[in-house]
Amino acid sequence: MIDETKEAQLILSRLAPLFTAQWHCQYRLDVINNQYGHVFNFFLDIKRKNHRERSIPLHSLHTTDLAVLERVLTQVRQDTALTLNFVDFGRVRWPLSQRWIR
């Protein structure tokens, strides 16, 4: 059984030292559906002006249950206002809110 609160706090604790608000810098949180590893991976993408884009791994959620992922992301969204980018999810809906995953 996965504790969604602990997973969200772990992601946020790893995110905090990496996120420093700077001029001409874009931050994005990528959530990747790794279909072959049966996990959801979290990355922080940092794009600075005149620099290469960096992608820093934050955490892997070892489940394929979208309801668990939705509850973790709900808690992450409460503490951060970063843009979320969903990769390799296809055309599926969240199980709890029934909204499209985008």
Protein backbone atom coordinates (compact mmCIF):
# COMPACT_ATOMS: atom_id res chain seq x y z
CA MET A 1 0.00 0.00 0.00
CA ILE A 2 1.36 3.40 -0.99
CA ASP A 3 1.07 6.33 1.39
CA GLU A 4 0.19 9.26 -0.91
CA THR A 5 1.05 11.88 1.71
CA LYS A 6 4.58 10.55 2.20
CA GLU A 7 5.12 10.30 -1.55
CA ALA A 8 3.96 13.91 -2.10
CA GLN A 9 6.12 15.19 0.77
CA LEU A 10 9.14 13.36 -0.66
CA ILE A 11 8.64 14.98 -4.07
CA LEU A 12 8.20 18.42 -2.50
CA SER A 13 11.26 18.01 -0.25
CA ARG A 14 13.42 17.13 -3.27
CA LEU A 15 11.90 19.98 -5.27
CA ALA A 16 12.48 22.71 -2.67
CA PRO A 17 16.31 23.03 -2.89
CA LEU A 18 16.22 22.94 -6.71
CA PHE A 19 13.58 25.62 -7.17
CA THR A 20 15.05 29.11 -6.90
CA ALA A 21 13.04 31.81 -8.62
CA GLN A 22 15.29 33.56 -11.15
CA TRP A 23 14.82 36.00 -14.00
CA HIS A 24 14.36 34.47 -17.45
CA CYS A 25 14.01 30.97 -16.06
CA GLN A 26 11.16 28.53 -16.63
CA TYR A 27 10.39 25.63 -14.31
CA ARG A 28 8.15 22.69 -15.13
CA LEU A 29 7.29 19.46 -13.34
CA ASP A 30 7.15 16.51 -15.76
CA VAL A 31 5.15 13.41 -14.89
CA ILE A 32 6.09 10.51 -17.16
CA ASN A 33 4.17 7.29 -17.53
CA ASN A 34 6.90 4.65 -17.81
CA GLN A 35 4.83 1.82 -19.26
CA TYR A 36 7.72 -0.64 -19.38
CA GLY A 37 8.93 -0.08 -15.82
CA HIS A 38 5.37 0.17 -14.43
CA VAL A 39 6.18 3.41 -12.57
CA PHE A 40 5.39 7.12 -12.78
CA ASN A 41 8.55 9.25 -12.92
CA PHE A 42 8.79 12.86 -11.75
CA PHE A 43 11.33 15.29 -13.22
CA LEU A 44 12.00 18.98 -12.72
CA ASP A 45 12.75 20.73 -16.02
CA ILE A 46 14.69 23.97 -15.78
CA LYS A 47 15.07 26.17 -18.84
CA ARG A 48 17.20 29.30 -18.54
CA LYS A 49 17.72 31.90 -21.20
CA ASN A 50 20.78 31.08 -23.35
CA HIS A 51 21.35 27.75 -21.52
CA ARG A 52 20.52 24.15 -22.26
CA GLU A 53 17.39 22.73 -20.71
CA ARG A 54 18.03 20.54 -17.65
CA SER A 55 15.88 17.68 -16.51
CA ILE A 56 16.49 16.59 -12.93
CA PRO A 57 14.94 13.34 -11.65
CA LEU A 58 12.94 13.80 -8.45
CA HIS A 59 11.14 10.55 -7.68
CA SER A 60 9.60 7.36 -9.06
CA LEU A 61 6.17 6.31 -7.88
CA HIS A 62 6.08 2.50 -8.03
CA THR A 63 2.49 1.94 -9.12
CA THR A 64 0.40 2.04 -12.26
CA ASP A 65 -2.79 3.09 -10.44
CA LEU A 66 -3.99 6.45 -11.77
CA ALA A 67 -6.11 7.06 -8.66
CA VAL A 68 -2.97 6.96 -6.48
CA LEU A 69 -1.17 9.30 -8.88
CA GLU A 70 -4.12 11.71 -8.87
CA ARG A 71 -4.14 11.88 -5.06
CA VAL A 72 -0.36 12.45 -4.94
CA LEU A 73 -0.60 15.22 -7.53
CA THR A 74 -3.47 16.87 -5.67
CA GLN A 75 -1.22 17.20 -2.63
CA VAL A 76 1.75 18.38 -4.72
CA ARG A 77 -0.42 21.05 -6.39
CA GLN A 78 -1.45 22.41 -3.00
CA ASP A 79 2.15 23.35 -2.18
CA THR A 80 3.52 24.41 -5.56
CA ALA A 81 2.28 26.39 -8.54
CA LEU A 82 4.59 24.82 -11.11
CA THR A 83 3.26 23.82 -14.50
CA LEU A 84 2.65 20.08 -14.81
CA ASN A 85 3.50 18.32 -18.06
CA PHE A 86 2.15 14.79 -18.59
CA VAL A 87 4.12 12.55 -20.96
CA ASP A 88 3.00 9.22 -22.49
CA PHE A 89 -0.45 9.09 -20.93
CA GLY A 90 -2.43 8.95 -24.17
CA ARG A 91 -6.13 9.82 -24.09
CA VAL A 92 -7.23 8.75 -20.62
CA ARG A 93 -9.18 10.42 -17.84
CA TRP A 94 -8.40 10.78 -14.17
CA PRO A 95 -10.38 8.13 -12.27
CA LEU A 96 -11.59 10.45 -9.49
CA SER A 97 -12.27 13.78 -11.23
CA GLN A 98 -13.01 12.33 -14.70
CA ARG A 99 -11.03 15.12 -16.38
CA TRP A 100 -8.69 14.45 -19.29
CA ILE A 101 -5.06 14.00 -18.32
CA ARG A 102 -3.23 16.98 -19.84
